[in-house]
Amino acid sequence: MRWEVGWAGIAFAILLFGAGLMLGSYRHAGEPIHSTVGERLQPTANVPSESATDGTIYVPVYSTLYLGVPNRANTVDLAATVSVRNVSSVHPITLDWVRYYDSVGKPVREYLDKPSTLPPMGSVEFVIQRSDIAGGPGANFLIHWQAPAVVDEPLIEAVMVGQSGNTGISFVSRGRALKPASER
């Protein structure tokens, strides 16, 4: 048995393929995602005046990278997700503030209106859209947290993803605890 498709069949297949590509790549143009705060964090009613443990974490974020390839675009824009993970299986932590800064140290965005609680083993994400290039190549986050009990510091990482031509780019940068102001 031999199959004969003909030009009409080929044209129909191409049309069907093109329609599938269009529908598959259609994206709802709603409000951009900036975090999962509303879904995962609970506003803290009473912020303790003294905590058993606290700290500030610096997280490098790259919203733009220089490619170093002279015959193509000089930079590529990246999306970034900053993930904050409470590694305690028993105690919640409180995120006092989450601040996003650009390459020259100017504040770009505050992610929390008020201190919020992250439950034990919970995580929350703060998102920089690929189209949001306000931070530049040297962008960063500062995140201050505290806990009512002695706990390990939260694990905070930034995951950057992007694309240049047909090449995908992805990498992770890890947050670093800063010394208290009294020790600097």
C-alpha atoms as a PDB file:
ATOM      1  CA  MET A   1       0.000   0.000   0.000  1.00  0.00           C
ATOM      2  CA  ARG A   2       1.463   3.295  -1.074  1.00  0.00           C
ATOM      3  CA  TRP A   3       0.603   6.690   0.424  1.00  0.00           C
ATOM      4  CA  GLU A   4       0.153   9.659  -1.847  1.00  0.00           C
ATOM      5  CA  VAL A   5      -0.161  12.979  -0.126  1.00  0.00           C
ATOM      6  CA  GLY A   6       0.042  15.560  -2.911  1.00  0.00           C
ATOM      7  CA  TRP A   7       0.509  19.294  -2.694  1.00  0.00           C
ATOM      8  CA  ALA A   8      -2.788  19.933  -0.940  1.00  0.00           C
ATOM      9  CA  GLY A   9      -1.856  17.495   1.847  1.00  0.00           C
ATOM     10  CA  ILE A  10       1.591  19.051   2.275  1.00  0.00           C
ATOM     11  CA  ALA A  11       0.117  22.564   2.370  1.00  0.00           C
ATOM     12  CA  PHE A  12      -2.461  21.447   4.943  1.00  0.00           C
ATOM     13  CA  ALA A  13       0.272  19.837   7.105  1.00  0.00           C
ATOM     14  CA  ILE A  14       2.372  23.025   6.989  1.00  0.00           C
ATOM     15  CA  LEU A  15      -0.667  25.139   7.877  1.00  0.00           C
ATOM     16  CA  LEU A  16      -1.548  22.821  10.743  1.00  0.00           C
ATOM     17  CA  PHE A  17       2.071  22.846  11.996  1.00  0.00           C
ATOM     18  CA  GLY A  18       2.213  26.676  11.857  1.00  0.00           C
ATOM     19  CA  ALA A  19      -1.097  26.989  13.725  1.00  0.00           C
ATOM     20  CA  GLY A  20       0.226  24.595  16.390  1.00  0.00           C
ATOM     21  CA  LEU A  21       3.373  26.681  16.803  1.00  0.00           C
ATOM     22  CA  MET A  22       1.351  29.868  17.167  1.00  0.00           C
ATOM     23  CA  LEU A  23      -1.022  28.381  19.725  1.00  0.00           C
ATOM     24  CA  GLY A  24       1.797  26.654  21.602  1.00  0.00           C
ATOM     25  CA  SER A  25       3.807  29.845  21.954  1.00  0.00           C
ATOM     26  CA  TYR A  26       0.823  32.018  22.877  1.00  0.00           C
ATOM     27  CA  ARG A  27       1.314  33.533  26.297  1.00  0.00           C
ATOM     28  CA  HIS A  28      -1.227  35.384  28.359  1.00  0.00           C
ATOM     29  CA  ALA A  29      -0.046  38.989  28.570  1.00  0.00           C
ATOM     30  CA  GLY A  30      -1.120  39.567  32.165  1.00  0.00           C
ATOM     31  CA  GLU A  31       0.697  41.081  35.101  1.00  0.00           C
ATOM     32  CA  PRO A  32       4.366  40.002  35.166  1.00  0.00           C
ATOM     33  CA  ILE A  33       5.373  37.548  37.870  1.00  0.00           C
ATOM     34  CA  HIS A  34       7.596  39.116  40.517  1.00  0.00           C
ATOM     35  CA  SER A  35       7.391  36.585  43.359  1.00  0.00           C
ATOM     36  CA  THR A  36       5.477  33.843  45.151  1.00  0.00           C
ATOM     37  CA  VAL A  37       5.232  35.969  48.310  1.00  0.00           C
ATOM     38  CA  GLY A  38       1.431  36.193  48.284  1.00  0.00           C
ATOM     39  CA  GLU A  39       1.113  32.422  47.972  1.00  0.00           C
ATOM     40  CA  ARG A  40       3.774  31.245  50.425  1.00  0.00           C
ATOM     41  CA  LEU A  41       4.496  33.885  53.064  1.00  0.00           C
ATOM     42  CA  GLN A  42       2.282  34.914  55.953  1.00  0.00           C
ATOM     43  CA  PRO A  43       2.582  38.496  57.247  1.00  0.00           C
ATOM     44  CA  THR A  44       4.150  38.481  60.710  1.00  0.00           C
ATOM     45  CA  ALA A  45       1.797  39.923  63.314  1.00  0.00           C
ATOM     46  CA  ASN A  46       4.411  40.692  65.965  1.00  0.00           C
ATOM     47  CA  VAL A  47       8.027  41.118  64.979  1.00  0.00           C
ATOM     48  CA  PRO A  48      10.167  40.125  67.938  1.00  0.00           C
ATOM     49  CA  SER A  49      12.399  42.942  69.166  1.00  0.00           C
ATOM     50  CA  GLU A  50      15.208  40.473  69.845  1.00  0.00           C
ATOM     51  CA  SER A  51      15.815  37.312  67.911  1.00  0.00           C
ATOM     52  CA  ALA A  52      17.986  34.340  68.730  1.00  0.00           C
ATOM     53  CA  THR A  53      19.449  34.358  65.241  1.00  0.00           C
ATOM     54  CA  ASP A  54      19.419  36.810  62.371  1.00  0.00           C
ATOM     55  CA  GLY A  55      21.459  37.818  59.371  1.00  0.00           C
ATOM     56  CA  THR A  56      21.721  39.581  56.051  1.00  0.00           C
ATOM     57  CA  ILE A  57      22.450  37.628  52.875  1.00  0.00           C
ATOM     58  CA  TYR A  58      23.985  39.163  49.732  1.00  0.00           C
ATOM     59  CA  VAL A  59      22.947  37.441  46.475  1.00  0.00           C
ATOM     60  CA  PRO A  60      24.548  38.364  43.117  1.00  0.00           C
ATOM     61  CA  VAL A  61      22.033  38.431  40.251  1.00  0.00           C
ATOM     62  CA  TYR A  62      22.863  38.824  36.577  1.00  0.00           C
ATOM     63  CA  SER A  63      19.953  40.264  34.560  1.00  0.00           C
ATOM     64  CA  THR A  64      22.300  41.065  31.647  1.00  0.00           C
ATOM     65  CA  LEU A  65      25.508  39.343  30.525  1.00  0.00           C
ATOM     66  CA  TYR A  66      28.174  40.477  28.110  1.00  0.00           C
ATOM     67  CA  LEU A  67      28.720  37.813  25.468  1.00  0.00           C
ATOM     68  CA  GLY A  68      32.124  38.834  24.172  1.00  0.00           C
ATOM     69  CA  VAL A  69      31.203  37.778  20.652  1.00  0.00           C
ATOM     70  CA  PRO A  70      31.861  40.644  18.214  1.00  0.00           C
ATOM     71  CA  ASN A  71      29.704  39.432  15.321  1.00  0.00           C
ATOM     72  CA  ARG A  72      26.504  39.103  17.406  1.00  0.00           C
ATOM     73  CA  ALA A  73      24.656  41.162  19.988  1.00  0.00           C
ATOM     74  CA  ASN A  74      27.011  42.308  22.748  1.00  0.00           C
ATOM     75  CA  THR A  75      24.676  41.370  25.612  1.00  0.00           C
ATOM     76  CA  VAL A  76      21.984  38.854  26.437  1.00  0.00           C
ATOM     77  CA  ASP A  77      19.118  39.523  28.851  1.00  0.00           C
ATOM     78  CA  LEU A  78      18.416  36.902  31.507  1.00  0.00           C
ATOM     79  CA  ALA A  79      15.495  36.045  33.750  1.00  0.00           C
ATOM     80  CA  ALA A  80      16.441  35.443  37.369  1.00  0.00           C
ATOM     81  CA  THR A  81      14.703  33.626  40.202  1.00  0.00           C
ATOM     82  CA  VAL A  82      15.963  34.181  43.739  1.00  0.00           C
ATOM     83  CA  SER A  83      14.928  31.253  45.920  1.00  0.00           C
ATOM     84  CA  VAL A  84      14.878  31.585  49.715  1.00  0.00           C
ATOM     85  CA  ARG A  85      14.676  28.234  51.543  1.00  0.00           C
ATOM     86  CA  ASN A  86      14.127  27.764  55.241  1.00  0.00           C
ATOM     87  CA  VAL A  87      16.290  24.716  55.999  1.00  0.00           C
ATOM     88  CA  SER A  88      14.915  24.261  59.531  1.00  0.00           C
ATOM     89  CA  SER A  89      12.468  21.370  59.848  1.00  0.00           C
ATOM     90  CA  VAL A  90      11.159  22.767  63.152  1.00  0.00           C
ATOM     91  CA  HIS A  91      11.286  26.578  63.309  1.00  0.00           C
ATOM     92  CA  PRO A  92       9.877  29.265  61.010  1.00  0.00           C
ATOM     93  CA  ILE A  93      12.010  32.224  59.979  1.00  0.00           C
ATOM     94  CA  THR A  94      10.940  35.804  59.394  1.00  0.00           C
ATOM     95  CA  LEU A  95      12.017  37.702  56.297  1.00  0.00           C
ATOM     96  CA  ASP A  96      12.252  41.344  57.403  1.00  0.00           C
ATOM     97  CA  TRP A  97      13.054  42.791  53.978  1.00  0.00           C
ATOM     98  CA  VAL A  98      14.085  41.776  50.474  1.00  0.00           C
ATOM     99  CA  ARG A  99      15.742  44.529  48.397  1.00  0.00           C
ATOM    100  CA  TYR A 100      16.841  44.472  44.762  1.00  0.00           C
ATOM    101  CA  TYR A 101      19.711  46.799  43.706  1.00  0.00           C
ATOM    102  CA  ASP A 102      21.164  47.708  40.312  1.00  0.00           C
ATOM    103  CA  SER A 103      24.803  47.621  39.176  1.00  0.00           C
ATOM    104  CA  VAL A 104      25.656  50.958  40.810  1.00  0.00           C
ATOM    105  CA  GLY A 105      23.985  50.098  44.125  1.00  0.00           C
ATOM    106  CA  LYS A 106      20.778  52.075  43.578  1.00  0.00           C
ATOM    107  CA  PRO A 107      17.633  50.431  45.011  1.00  0.00           C
ATOM    108  CA  VAL A 108      15.355  49.117  42.242  1.00  0.00           C
ATOM    109  CA  ARG A 109      12.574  47.287  44.095  1.00  0.00           C
ATOM    110  CA  GLU A 110      11.367  46.255  47.557  1.00  0.00           C
ATOM    111  CA  TYR A 111       9.718  42.837  47.542  1.00  0.00           C
ATOM    112  CA  LEU A 112       8.082  42.850  50.987  1.00  0.00           C
ATOM    113  CA  ASP A 113       5.681  45.427  52.413  1.00  0.00           C
ATOM    114  CA  LYS A 114       6.147  44.070  55.937  1.00  0.00           C
ATOM    115  CA  PRO A 115       8.025  41.261  57.685  1.00  0.00           C
ATOM    116  CA  SER A 116       6.698  37.848  56.680  1.00  0.00           C
ATOM    117  CA  THR A 117       7.052  34.320  58.032  1.00  0.00           C
ATOM    118  CA  LEU A 118       8.472  31.434  56.028  1.00  0.00           C
ATOM    119  CA  PRO A 119       7.386  28.108  57.575  1.00  0.00           C
ATOM    120  CA  PRO A 120       9.769  25.250  58.398  1.00  0.00           C
ATOM    121  CA  MET A 121      11.139  23.674  55.185  1.00  0.00           C
ATOM    122  CA  GLY A 122       9.257  26.346  53.191  1.00  0.00           C
ATOM    123  CA  SER A 123      10.563  28.286  50.215  1.00  0.00           C
ATOM    124  CA  VAL A 124       9.664  31.468  48.387  1.00  0.00           C
ATOM    125  CA  GLU A 125      10.837  32.926  45.076  1.00  0.00           C
ATOM    126  CA  PHE A 126      11.501  36.475  43.914  1.00  0.00           C
ATOM    127  CA  VAL A 127      11.520  36.858  40.128  1.00  0.00           C
ATOM    128  CA  ILE A 128      13.249  39.252  37.741  1.00  0.00           C
ATOM    129  CA  GLN A 129      11.643  39.018  34.310  1.00  0.00           C
ATOM    130  CA  ARG A 130      13.930  38.703  31.281  1.00  0.00           C
ATOM    131  CA  SER A 131      12.553  41.989  29.964  1.00  0.00           C
ATOM    132  CA  ASP A 132      13.402  43.754  33.267  1.00  0.00           C
ATOM    133  CA  ILE A 133      16.942  45.018  32.620  1.00  0.00           C
ATOM    134  CA  ALA A 134      16.903  47.693  35.349  1.00  0.00           C
ATOM    135  CA  GLY A 135      19.436  45.783  37.464  1.00  0.00           C
ATOM    136  CA  GLY A 136      22.072  45.327  34.774  1.00  0.00           C
ATOM    137  CA  PRO A 137      25.023  42.922  34.874  1.00  0.00           C
ATOM    138  CA  GLY A 138      25.960  43.711  38.485  1.00  0.00           C
ATOM    139  CA  ALA A 139      22.511  43.537  40.092  1.00  0.00           C
ATOM    140  CA  ASN A 140      22.093  42.062  43.559  1.00  0.00           C
ATOM    141  CA  PHE A 141      19.695  41.319  46.386  1.00  0.00           C
ATOM    142  CA  LEU A 142      20.046  41.946  50.095  1.00  0.00           C
ATOM    143  CA  ILE A 143      17.777  39.803  52.262  1.00  0.00           C
ATOM    144  CA  HIS A 144      17.451  40.206  56.022  1.00  0.00           C
ATOM    145  CA  TRP A 145      16.010  37.377  58.090  1.00  0.00           C
ATOM    146  CA  GLN A 146      15.569  36.453  61.743  1.00  0.00           C
ATOM    147  CA  ALA A 147      14.369  33.514  63.815  1.00  0.00           C
ATOM    148  CA  PRO A 148      13.138  33.140  67.401  1.00  0.00           C
ATOM    149  CA  ALA A 149      15.401  30.119  67.907  1.00  0.00           C
ATOM    150  CA  VAL A 150      18.941  29.234  66.911  1.00  0.00           C
ATOM    151  CA  VAL A 151      18.602  27.859  63.366  1.00  0.00           C
ATOM    152  CA  ASP A 152      20.827  27.444  60.327  1.00  0.00           C
ATOM    153  CA  GLU A 153      20.782  30.420  57.997  1.00  0.00           C
ATOM    154  CA  PRO A 154      18.397  30.037  55.064  1.00  0.00           C
ATOM    155  CA  LEU A 155      19.740  28.710  51.774  1.00  0.00           C
ATOM    156  CA  ILE A 156      19.443  31.497  49.208  1.00  0.00           C
ATOM    157  CA  GLU A 157      20.360  31.035  45.543  1.00  0.00           C
ATOM    158  CA  ALA A 158      19.699  32.866  42.293  1.00  0.00           C
ATOM    159  CA  VAL A 159      19.029  30.887  39.118  1.00  0.00           C
ATOM    160  CA  MET A 160      19.548  32.816  35.864  1.00  0.00           C
ATOM    161  CA  VAL A 161      18.267  31.602  32.484  1.00  0.00           C
ATOM    162  CA  GLY A 162      18.297  33.111  29.010  1.00  0.00           C
ATOM    163  CA  GLN A 163      18.862  32.454  25.367  1.00  0.00           C
ATOM    164  CA  SER A 164      21.146  33.821  22.678  1.00  0.00           C
ATOM    165  CA  GLY A 165      20.208  32.554  19.230  1.00  0.00           C
ATOM    166  CA  ASN A 166      19.739  28.825  19.603  1.00  0.00           C
ATOM    167  CA  THR A 167      22.004  28.587  22.668  1.00  0.00           C
ATOM    168  CA  GLY A 168      20.511  28.346  26.139  1.00  0.00           C
ATOM    169  CA  ILE A 169      22.286  29.964  29.078  1.00  0.00           C
ATOM    170  CA  SER A 170      21.695  28.960  32.690  1.00  0.00           C
ATOM    171  CA  PHE A 171      23.687  29.155  35.909  1.00  0.00           C
ATOM    172  CA  VAL A 172      23.308  29.556  39.656  1.00  0.00           C
ATOM    173  CA  SER A 173      24.847  31.992  42.126  1.00  0.00           C
ATOM    174  CA  ARG A 174      24.708  31.372  45.842  1.00  0.00           C
ATOM    175  CA  GLY A 175      23.995  33.935  48.539  1.00  0.00           C
ATOM    176  CA  ARG A 176      26.657  34.899  51.035  1.00  0.00           C
ATOM    177  CA  ALA A 177      26.112  35.847  54.679  1.00  0.00           C
ATOM    178  CA  LEU A 178      27.360  39.320  55.570  1.00  0.00           C
ATOM    179  CA  LYS A 179      28.980  40.093  58.890  1.00  0.00           C
ATOM    180  CA  PRO A 180      26.870  42.133  61.322  1.00  0.00           C
ATOM    181  CA  ALA A 181      27.485  45.883  61.066  1.00  0.00           C
ATOM    182  CA  SER A 182      29.171  45.812  64.489  1.00  0.00           C
ATOM    183  CA  GLU A 183      31.859  43.427  63.147  1.00  0.00           C
ATOM    184  CA  ARG A 184      32.688  45.301  59.939  1.00  0.00           C
END
